[in-house]
PDB file of N, CA and C in Angstrom:
ATOM      1  N   MET A   1     119.870 146.539  32.423  1.00  0.00           N
ATOM      2  CA  MET A   1     120.663 147.745  32.309  1.00  0.00           C
ATOM      3  C   MET A   1     119.840 148.803  31.574  1.00  0.00           C
ATOM      4  N   PRO A   2     119.628 149.966  32.180  1.00  0.00           N
ATOM      5  CA  PRO A   2     118.817 150.999  31.542  1.00  0.00           C
ATOM      6  C   PRO A   2     119.491 151.545  30.283  1.00  0.00           C
ATOM      7  N   VAL A   3     118.672 151.873  29.310  1.00  0.00           N
ATOM      8  CA  VAL A   3     119.157 152.451  28.068  1.00  0.00           C
ATOM      9  C   VAL A   3     119.095 153.972  28.213  1.00  0.00           C
ATOM     10  N   SER A   4     120.147 154.648  27.787  1.00  0.00           N
ATOM     11  CA  SER A   4     120.197 156.100  27.934  1.00  0.00           C
ATOM     12  C   SER A   4     119.203 156.791  26.995  1.00  0.00           C
ATOM     13  N   SER A   5     118.887 158.022  27.320  1.00  0.00           N
ATOM     14  CA  SER A   5     118.002 158.821  26.464  1.00  0.00           C
ATOM     15  C   SER A   5     118.610 158.975  25.077  1.00  0.00           C
ATOM     16  N   ARG A   6     119.915 159.150  25.021  1.00  0.00           N
ATOM     17  CA  ARG A   6     120.589 159.291  23.726  1.00  0.00           C
ATOM     18  C   ARG A   6     120.373 158.041  22.875  1.00  0.00           C
ATOM     19  N   GLU A   7     120.544 156.864  23.473  1.00  0.00           N
ATOM     20  CA  GLU A   7     120.353 155.611  22.734  1.00  0.00           C
ATOM     21  C   GLU A   7     118.896 155.441  22.312  1.00  0.00           C
ATOM     22  N   ARG A   8     117.979 155.819  23.171  1.00  0.00           N
ATOM     23  CA  ARG A   8     116.553 155.716  22.819  1.00  0.00           C
ATOM     24  C   ARG A   8     116.213 156.672  21.683  1.00  0.00           C
ATOM     25  N   LEU A   9     116.798 157.865  21.689  1.00  0.00           N
ATOM     26  CA  LEU A   9     116.584 158.810  20.597  1.00  0.00           C
ATOM     27  C   LEU A   9     117.102 158.253  19.276  1.00  0.00           C
ATOM     28  N   ILE A  10     118.286 157.684  19.317  1.00  0.00           N
ATOM     29  CA  ILE A  10     118.872 157.110  18.103  1.00  0.00           C
ATOM     30  C   ILE A  10     118.004 155.966  17.589  1.00  0.00           C
ATOM     31  N   ASP A  11     117.579 155.093  18.471  1.00  0.00           N
ATOM     32  CA  ASP A  11     116.756 153.957  18.076  1.00  0.00           C
ATOM     33  C   ASP A  11     115.432 154.427  17.460  1.00  0.00           C
ATOM     34  N   ALA A  12     114.779 155.367  18.117  1.00  0.00           N
ATOM     35  CA  ALA A  12     113.505 155.883  17.605  1.00  0.00           C
ATOM     36  C   ALA A  12     113.702 156.579  16.261  1.00  0.00           C
ATOM     37  N   ALA A  13     114.784 157.337  16.140  1.00  0.00           N
ATOM     38  CA  ALA A  13     115.064 158.038  14.887  1.00  0.00           C
ATOM     39  C   ALA A  13     115.312 157.042  13.761  1.00  0.00           C
ATOM     40  N   LEU A  14     116.091 156.004  14.036  1.00  0.00           N
ATOM     41  CA  LEU A  14     116.348 154.991  13.003  1.00  0.00           C
ATOM     42  C   LEU A  14     115.048 154.386  12.498  1.00  0.00           C
ATOM     43  N   LYS A  15     114.183 154.023  13.404  1.00  0.00           N
ATOM     44  CA  LYS A  15     112.907 153.424  13.005  1.00  0.00           C
ATOM     45  C   LYS A  15     112.082 154.389  12.158  1.00  0.00           C
ATOM     46  N   ARG A  16     111.995 155.613  12.606  1.00  0.00           N
ATOM     47  CA  ARG A  16     111.210 156.615  11.870  1.00  0.00           C
ATOM     48  C   ARG A  16     111.847 156.957  10.520  1.00  0.00           C
ATOM     49  N   PHE A  17     113.150 157.210  10.517  1.00  0.00           N
ATOM     50  CA  PHE A  17     113.826 157.604   9.281  1.00  0.00           C
ATOM     51  C   PHE A  17     113.731 156.509   8.225  1.00  0.00           C
ATOM     52  N   TYR A  18     113.900 155.252   8.634  1.00  0.00           N
ATOM     53  CA  TYR A  18     113.813 154.147   7.676  1.00  0.00           C
ATOM     54  C   TYR A  18     112.377 153.936   7.191  1.00  0.00           C
ATOM     55  N   ALA A  19     111.411 154.131   8.060  1.00  0.00           N
ATOM     56  CA  ALA A  19     110.017 153.909   7.680  1.00  0.00           C
ATOM     57  C   ALA A  19     109.466 155.045   6.815  1.00  0.00           C
ATOM     58  N   ASP A  20     109.803 156.288   7.183  1.00  0.00           N
ATOM     59  CA  ASP A  20     109.157 157.435   6.551  1.00  0.00           C
ATOM     60  C   ASP A  20     110.085 158.359   5.776  1.00  0.00           C
ATOM     61  N   GLY A  21     111.387 158.187   5.929  1.00  0.00           N
ATOM     62  CA  GLY A  21     112.334 159.086   5.265  1.00  0.00           C
ATOM     63  C   GLY A  21     112.693 160.260   6.156  1.00  0.00           C
ATOM     64  N   PHE A  22     113.929 160.672   6.057  1.00  0.00           N
ATOM     65  CA  PHE A  22     114.451 161.736   6.921  1.00  0.00           C
ATOM     66  C   PHE A  22     113.629 163.012   6.815  1.00  0.00           C
ATOM     67  N   ARG A  23     113.330 163.427   5.601  1.00  0.00           N
ATOM     68  CA  ARG A  23     112.605 164.695   5.405  1.00  0.00           C
ATOM     69  C   ARG A  23     111.164 164.645   5.880  1.00  0.00           C
ATOM     70  N   ASN A  24     110.599 163.461   5.956  1.00  0.00           N
ATOM     71  CA  ASN A  24     109.197 163.326   6.352  1.00  0.00           C
ATOM     72  C   ASN A  24     109.003 163.140   7.850  1.00  0.00           C
ATOM     73  N   VAL A  25     110.088 163.105   8.591  1.00  0.00           N
ATOM     74  CA  VAL A  25     110.009 162.894  10.042  1.00  0.00           C
ATOM     75  C   VAL A  25     110.341 164.199  10.751  1.00  0.00           C
ATOM     76  N   GLY A  26     109.416 164.616  11.582  1.00  0.00           N
ATOM     77  CA  GLY A  26     109.660 165.800  12.394  1.00  0.00           C
ATOM     78  C   GLY A  26     110.303 165.420  13.717  1.00  0.00           C
ATOM     79  N   LEU A  27     111.052 166.332  14.255  1.00  0.00           N
ATOM     80  CA  LEU A  27     111.711 166.090  15.533  1.00  0.00           C
ATOM     81  C   LEU A  27     110.693 165.782  16.628  1.00  0.00           C
ATOM     82  N   ASP A  28     109.539 166.442  16.572  1.00  0.00           N
ATOM     83  CA  ASP A  28     108.504 166.195  17.580  1.00  0.00           C
ATOM     84  C   ASP A  28     108.019 164.749  17.565  1.00  0.00           C
ATOM     85  N   GLN A  29     108.002 164.120  16.377  1.00  0.00           N
ATOM     86  CA  GLN A  29     107.589 162.715  16.297  1.00  0.00           C
ATOM     87  C   GLN A  29     108.575 161.823  17.058  1.00  0.00           C
ATOM     88  N   VAL A  30     109.862 162.060  16.850  1.00  0.00           N
ATOM     89  CA  VAL A  30     110.886 161.259  17.526  1.00  0.00           C
ATOM     90  C   VAL A  30     110.829 161.507  19.024  1.00  0.00           C
ATOM     91  N   LEU A  31     110.682 162.769  19.400  1.00  0.00           N
ATOM     92  CA  LEU A  31     110.597 163.096  20.826  1.00  0.00           C
ATOM     93  C   LEU A  31     109.373 162.448  21.468  1.00  0.00           C
ATOM     94  N   GLY A  32     108.272 162.406  20.737  1.00  0.00           N
ATOM     95  CA  GLY A  32     107.074 161.753  21.239  1.00  0.00           C
ATOM     96  C   GLY A  32     107.274 160.258  21.436  1.00  0.00           C
ATOM     97  N   ASP A  33     107.985 159.635  20.497  1.00  0.00           N
ATOM     98  CA  ASP A  33     108.265 158.205  20.618  1.00  0.00           C
ATOM     99  C   ASP A  33     109.094 157.898  21.862  1.00  0.00           C
ATOM    100  N   VAL A  34     110.028 158.791  22.159  1.00  0.00           N
ATOM    101  CA  VAL A  34     110.938 158.571  23.285  1.00  0.00           C
ATOM    102  C   VAL A  34     110.346 159.097  24.591  1.00  0.00           C
ATOM    103  N   GLY A  35     109.506 160.115  24.483  1.00  0.00           N
ATOM    104  CA  GLY A  35     108.894 160.688  25.672  1.00  0.00           C
ATOM    105  C   GLY A  35     109.788 161.676  26.400  1.00  0.00           C
ATOM    106  N   ILE A  36     110.535 162.475  25.626  1.00  0.00           N
ATOM    107  CA  ILE A  36     111.365 163.505  26.251  1.00  0.00           C
ATOM    108  C   ILE A  36     111.074 164.858  25.618  1.00  0.00           C
ATOM    109  N   SER A  37     111.524 165.904  26.283  1.00  0.00           N
ATOM    110  CA  SER A  37     111.298 167.266  25.816  1.00  0.00           C
ATOM    111  C   SER A  37     112.391 167.707  24.845  1.00  0.00           C
ATOM    112  N   LYS A  38     112.128 168.821  24.164  1.00  0.00           N
ATOM    113  CA  LYS A  38     113.147 169.376  23.275  1.00  0.00           C
ATOM    114  C   LYS A  38     114.381 169.802  24.073  1.00  0.00           C
ATOM    115  N   THR A  39     114.168 170.289  25.262  1.00  0.00           N
ATOM    116  CA  THR A  39     115.297 170.679  26.113  1.00  0.00           C
ATOM    117  C   THR A  39     116.200 169.484  26.377  1.00  0.00           C
ATOM    118  N   ALA A  40     115.594 168.345  26.688  1.00  0.00           N
ATOM    119  CA  ALA A  40     116.375 167.127  26.928  1.00  0.00           C
ATOM    120  C   ALA A  40     117.062 166.676  25.645  1.00  0.00           C
ATOM    121  N   PHE A  41     116.375 166.803  24.514  1.00  0.00           N
ATOM    122  CA  PHE A  41     116.971 166.424  23.231  1.00  0.00           C
ATOM    123  C   PHE A  41     118.242 167.221  22.977  1.00  0.00           C
ATOM    124  N   TYR A  42     118.165 168.522  23.195  1.00  0.00           N
ATOM    125  CA  TYR A  42     119.311 169.390  22.890  1.00  0.00           C
ATOM    126  C   TYR A  42     120.484 169.205  23.854  1.00  0.00           C
ATOM    127  N   LYS A  43     120.289 168.445  24.896  1.00  0.00           N
ATOM    128  CA  LYS A  43     121.419 168.062  25.753  1.00  0.00           C
ATOM    129  C   LYS A  43     122.259 166.979  25.077  1.00  0.00           C
ATOM    130  N   HIS A  44     121.650 166.260  24.130  1.00  0.00           N
ATOM    131  CA  HIS A  44     122.327 165.159  23.449  1.00  0.00           C
ATOM    132  C   HIS A  44     122.752 165.501  22.023  1.00  0.00           C
ATOM    133  N   PHE A  45     121.964 166.322  21.344  1.00  0.00           N
ATOM    134  CA  PHE A  45     122.211 166.640  19.935  1.00  0.00           C
ATOM    135  C   PHE A  45     121.957 168.117  19.679  1.00  0.00           C
ATOM    136  N   GLU A  46     122.676 168.656  18.706  1.00  0.00           N
ATOM    137  CA  GLU A  46     122.483 170.062  18.352  1.00  0.00           C
ATOM    138  C   GLU A  46     121.312 170.261  17.403  1.00  0.00           C
ATOM    139  N   SER A  47     120.988 169.209  16.627  1.00  0.00           N
ATOM    140  CA  SER A  47     119.942 169.343  15.621  1.00  0.00           C
ATOM    141  C   SER A  47     119.455 167.965  15.188  1.00  0.00           C
ATOM    142  N   LYS A  48     118.402 167.967  14.374  1.00  0.00           N
ATOM    143  CA  LYS A  48     117.905 166.731  13.790  1.00  0.00           C
ATOM    144  C   LYS A  48     118.983 166.105  12.900  1.00  0.00           C
ATOM    145  N   GLU A  49     119.747 166.942  12.225  1.00  0.00           N
ATOM    146  CA  GLU A  49     120.823 166.445  11.364  1.00  0.00           C
ATOM    147  C   GLU A  49     121.896 165.720  12.178  1.00  0.00           C
ATOM    148  N   ASP A  50     122.218 166.246  13.355  1.00  0.00           N
ATOM    149  CA  ASP A  50     123.182 165.575  14.235  1.00  0.00           C
ATOM    150  C   ASP A  50     122.643 164.229  14.717  1.00  0.00           C
ATOM    151  N   LEU A  51     121.344 164.184  14.972  1.00  0.00           N
ATOM    152  CA  LEU A  51     120.711 162.922  15.348  1.00  0.00           C
ATOM    153  C   LEU A  51     120.826 161.923  14.202  1.00  0.00           C
ATOM    154  N   MET A  52     120.608 162.389  12.988  1.00  0.00           N
ATOM    155  CA  MET A  52     120.721 161.502  11.829  1.00  0.00           C
ATOM    156  C   MET A  52     122.141 160.973  11.684  1.00  0.00           C
ATOM    157  N   LEU A  53     123.138 161.820  11.881  1.00  0.00           N
ATOM    158  CA  LEU A  53     124.528 161.362  11.807  1.00  0.00           C
ATOM    159  C   LEU A  53     124.820 160.300  12.863  1.00  0.00           C
ATOM    160  N   ALA A  54     124.316 160.509  14.063  1.00  0.00           N
ATOM    161  CA  ALA A  54     124.509 159.519  15.127  1.00  0.00           C
ATOM    162  C   ALA A  54     123.792 158.213  14.780  1.00  0.00           C
ATOM    163  N   ALA A  55     122.613 158.318  14.191  1.00  0.00           N
ATOM    164  CA  ALA A  55     121.868 157.122  13.786  1.00  0.00           C
ATOM    165  C   ALA A  55     122.623 156.366  12.696  1.00  0.00           C
ATOM    166  N   LEU A  56     123.170 157.088  11.736  1.00  0.00           N
ATOM    167  CA  LEU A  56     123.947 156.442  10.675  1.00  0.00           C
ATOM    168  C   LEU A  56     125.205 155.788  11.231  1.00  0.00           C
ATOM    169  N   GLU A  57     125.844 156.433  12.173  1.00  0.00           N
ATOM    170  CA  GLU A  57     127.043 155.856  12.785  1.00  0.00           C
ATOM    171  C   GLU A  57     126.683 154.582  13.561  1.00  0.00           C
ATOM    172  N   THR A  58     125.568 154.598  14.240  1.00  0.00           N
ATOM    173  CA  THR A  58     125.105 153.417  14.959  1.00  0.00           C
ATOM    174  C   THR A  58     124.845 152.271  13.984  1.00  0.00           C
ATOM    175  N   GLN A  59     124.187 152.563  12.875  1.00  0.00           N
ATOM    176  CA  GLN A  59     123.933 151.538  11.862  1.00  0.00           C
ATOM    177  C   GLN A  59     125.235 151.022  11.265  1.00  0.00           C
ATOM    178  N   ASN A  60     126.177 151.916  11.033  1.00  0.00           N
ATOM    179  CA  ASN A  60     127.470 151.520  10.488  1.00  0.00           C
ATOM    180  C   ASN A  60     128.196 150.566  11.445  1.00  0.00           C
ATOM    181  N   GLN A  61     128.203 150.893  12.716  1.00  0.00           N
ATOM    182  CA  GLN A  61     128.851 150.029  13.708  1.00  0.00           C
ATOM    183  C   GLN A  61     128.172 148.668  13.772  1.00  0.00           C
ATOM    184  N   TRP A  62     126.846 148.653  13.739  1.00  0.00           N
ATOM    185  CA  TRP A  62     126.098 147.395  13.784  1.00  0.00           C
ATOM    186  C   TRP A  62     126.434 146.538  12.561  1.00  0.00           C
ATOM    187  N   LEU A  63     126.454 147.167  11.402  1.00  0.00           N
ATOM    188  CA  LEU A  63     126.740 146.430  10.177  1.00  0.00           C
ATOM    189  C   LEU A  63     128.159 145.868  10.180  1.00  0.00           C
ATOM    190  N   GLN A  64     129.115 146.660  10.635  1.00  0.00           N
ATOM    191  CA  GLN A  64     130.499 146.183  10.702  1.00  0.00           C
ATOM    192  C   GLN A  64     130.629 145.002  11.667  1.00  0.00           C
ATOM    193  N   GLU A  65     129.988 145.090  12.821  1.00  0.00           N
ATOM    194  CA  GLU A  65     130.037 143.990  13.787  1.00  0.00           C
ATOM    195  C   GLU A  65     129.383 142.733  13.218  1.00  0.00           C
ATOM    196  N   ARG A  66     128.256 142.916  12.568  1.00  0.00           N
ATOM    197  CA  ARG A  66     127.570 141.776  11.952  1.00  0.00           C
ATOM    198  C   ARG A  66     128.446 141.141  10.870  1.00  0.00           C
ATOM    199  N   PHE A  67     129.075 141.961  10.067  1.00  0.00           N
ATOM    200  CA  PHE A  67     129.938 141.476   8.996  1.00  0.00           C
ATOM    201  C   PHE A  67     131.124 140.699   9.569  1.00  0.00           C
ATOM    202  N   ARG A  68     131.787 141.275  10.565  1.00  0.00           N
ATOM    203  CA  ARG A  68     132.952 140.606  11.160  1.00  0.00           C
ATOM    204  C   ARG A  68     132.588 139.270  11.801  1.00  0.00           C
ATOM    205  N   SER A  69     131.488 139.241  12.535  1.00  0.00           N
ATOM    206  CA  SER A  69     131.121 137.993  13.196  1.00  0.00           C
ATOM    207  C   SER A  69     130.690 136.936  12.176  1.00  0.00           C
ATOM    208  N   ALA A  70     130.005 137.349  11.123  1.00  0.00           N
ATOM    209  CA  ALA A  70     129.617 136.393  10.087  1.00  0.00           C
ATOM    210  C   ALA A  70     130.838 135.869   9.348  1.00  0.00           C
ATOM    211  N   MET A  71     131.785 136.731   9.074  1.00  0.00           N
ATOM    212  CA  MET A  71     133.020 136.297   8.401  1.00  0.00           C
ATOM    213  C   MET A  71     133.788 135.316   9.282  1.00  0.00           C
ATOM    214  N   ALA A  72     133.868 135.613  10.558  1.00  0.00           N
ATOM    215  CA  ALA A  72     134.591 134.726  11.478  1.00  0.00           C
ATOM    216  C   ALA A  72     133.920 133.356  11.551  1.00  0.00           C
ATOM    217  N   ALA A  73     132.606 133.344  11.484  1.00  0.00           N
ATOM    218  CA  ALA A  73     131.878 132.078  11.570  1.00  0.00           C
ATOM    219  C   ALA A  73     131.986 131.256  10.291  1.00  0.00           C
ATOM    220  N   LYS A  74     132.082 131.921   9.141  1.00  0.00           N
ATOM    221  CA  LYS A  74     132.061 131.206   7.862  1.00  0.00           C
ATOM    222  C   LYS A  74     133.427 130.994   7.236  1.00  0.00           C
ATOM    223  N   ALA A  75     134.362 131.877   7.489  1.00  0.00           N
ATOM    224  CA  ALA A  75     135.655 131.822   6.799  1.00  0.00           C
ATOM    225  C   ALA A  75     136.584 130.824   7.469  1.00  0.00           C
ATOM    226  N   GLY A  76     137.254 130.086   6.689  1.00  0.00           N
ATOM    227  CA  GLY A  76     138.275 129.184   7.197  1.00  0.00           C
ATOM    228  C   GLY A  76     139.645 129.836   7.056  1.00  0.00           C
ATOM    229  N   PRO A  77     140.694 129.078   7.279  1.00  0.00           N
ATOM    230  CA  PRO A  77     142.035 129.650   7.220  1.00  0.00           C
ATOM    231  C   PRO A  77     142.553 129.883   5.794  1.00  0.00           C
ATOM    232  N   SER A  78     141.935 129.230   4.810  1.00  0.00           N
ATOM    233  CA  SER A  78     142.452 129.364   3.444  1.00  0.00           C
ATOM    234  C   SER A  78     141.930 130.631   2.778  1.00  0.00           C
ATOM    235  N   PRO A  79     142.729 131.229   1.908  1.00  0.00           N
ATOM    236  CA  PRO A  79     142.271 132.410   1.168  1.00  0.00           C
ATOM    237  C   PRO A  79     141.014 132.117   0.348  1.00  0.00           C
ATOM    238  N   ASP A  80     140.940 130.918  -0.230  1.00  0.00           N
ATOM    239  CA  ASP A  80     139.772 130.528  -1.014  1.00  0.00           C
ATOM    240  C   ASP A  80     138.520 130.508  -0.128  1.00  0.00           C
ATOM    241  N   GLY A  81     138.635 129.928   1.049  1.00  0.00           N
ATOM    242  CA  GLY A  81     137.517 129.885   1.984  1.00  0.00           C
ATOM    243  C   GLY A  81     137.098 131.262   2.449  1.00  0.00           C
ATOM    244  N   GLN A  82     138.059 132.127   2.666  1.00  0.00           N
ATOM    245  CA  GLN A  82     137.761 133.486   3.097  1.00  0.00           C
ATOM    246  C   GLN A  82     137.051 134.271   1.990  1.00  0.00           C
ATOM    247  N   LEU A  83     137.477 134.070   0.749  1.00  0.00           N
ATOM    248  CA  LEU A  83     136.837 134.757  -0.374  1.00  0.00           C
ATOM    249  C   LEU A  83     135.400 134.270  -0.549  1.00  0.00           C
ATOM    250  N   ARG A  84     135.211 132.970  -0.471  1.00  0.00           N
ATOM    251  CA  ARG A  84     133.854 132.424  -0.579  1.00  0.00           C
ATOM    252  C   ARG A  84     132.970 132.932   0.563  1.00  0.00           C
ATOM    253  N   ALA A  85     133.528 132.996   1.757  1.00  0.00           N
ATOM    254  CA  ALA A  85     132.777 133.504   2.910  1.00  0.00           C
ATOM    255  C   ALA A  85     132.395 134.963   2.698  1.00  0.00           C
ATOM    256  N   LEU A  86     133.300 135.727   2.119  1.00  0.00           N
ATOM    257  CA  LEU A  86     133.009 137.138   1.849  1.00  0.00           C
ATOM    258  C   LEU A  86     131.767 137.271   0.976  1.00  0.00           C
ATOM    259  N   PHE A  87     131.713 136.523  -0.097  1.00  0.00           N
ATOM    260  CA  PHE A  87     130.554 136.587  -0.986  1.00  0.00           C
ATOM    261  C   PHE A  87     129.281 136.094  -0.298  1.00  0.00           C
ATOM    262  N   ASP A  88     129.404 135.038   0.493  1.00  0.00           N
ATOM    263  CA  ASP A  88     128.243 134.519   1.227  1.00  0.00           C
ATOM    264  C   ASP A  88     127.709 135.542   2.219  1.00  0.00           C
ATOM    265  N   VAL A  89     128.605 136.182   2.941  1.00  0.00           N
ATOM    266  CA  VAL A  89     128.191 137.157   3.955  1.00  0.00           C
ATOM    267  C   VAL A  89     127.543 138.373   3.296  1.00  0.00           C
ATOM    268  N   VAL A  90     128.141 138.865   2.231  1.00  0.00           N
ATOM    269  CA  VAL A  90     127.548 140.018   1.525  1.00  0.00           C
ATOM    270  C   VAL A  90     126.157 139.654   1.011  1.00  0.00           C
ATOM    271  N   GLU A  91     126.024 138.459   0.455  1.00  0.00           N
ATOM    272  CA  GLU A  91     124.712 138.018  -0.027  1.00  0.00           C
ATOM    273  C   GLU A  91     123.711 137.946   1.128  1.00  0.00           C
ATOM    274  N   ASP A  92     124.127 137.423   2.266  1.00  0.00           N
ATOM    275  CA  ASP A  92     123.258 137.342   3.443  1.00  0.00           C
ATOM    276  C   ASP A  92     122.808 138.720   3.904  1.00  0.00           C
ATOM    277  N   ILE A  93     123.735 139.649   3.935  1.00  0.00           N
ATOM    278  CA  ILE A  93     123.419 141.005   4.412  1.00  0.00           C
ATOM    279  C   ILE A  93     122.477 141.711   3.446  1.00  0.00           C
ATOM    280  N   ILE A  94     122.759 141.600   2.169  1.00  0.00           N
ATOM    281  CA  ILE A  94     121.910 142.264   1.178  1.00  0.00           C
ATOM    282  C   ILE A  94     120.507 141.654   1.160  1.00  0.00           C
ATOM    283  N   GLY A  95     120.436 140.364   1.377  1.00  0.00           N
ATOM    284  CA  GLY A  95     119.157 139.673   1.347  1.00  0.00           C
ATOM    285  C   GLY A  95     118.290 139.893   2.570  1.00  0.00           C
ATOM    286  N   SER A  96     118.867 140.416   3.651  1.00  0.00           N
ATOM    287  CA  SER A  96     118.061 140.571   4.870  1.00  0.00           C
ATOM    288  C   SER A  96     117.415 141.906   4.996  1.00  0.00           C
TER     289      SER A  96
END
């Protein structure tokens, strides 16, 4: 299944922003990574800041999904088990 230009932009931005910091990454660097023009970029986002918001939202969704699936795998039906699973999952996420 092909990945959209928007998704590729978000992925490239996440990698660059995490590696180099938001202020140190130019839009041209992200566009070069994806291989699209500024015109194509502006069809998806109004600015670099909008791209950053989309990247943060993508990370937030990924983290929530990871948290929910880990909780479901570790937590049992008891409140005690669920509380212990919560601490285990948070520790796993922070440690990775």
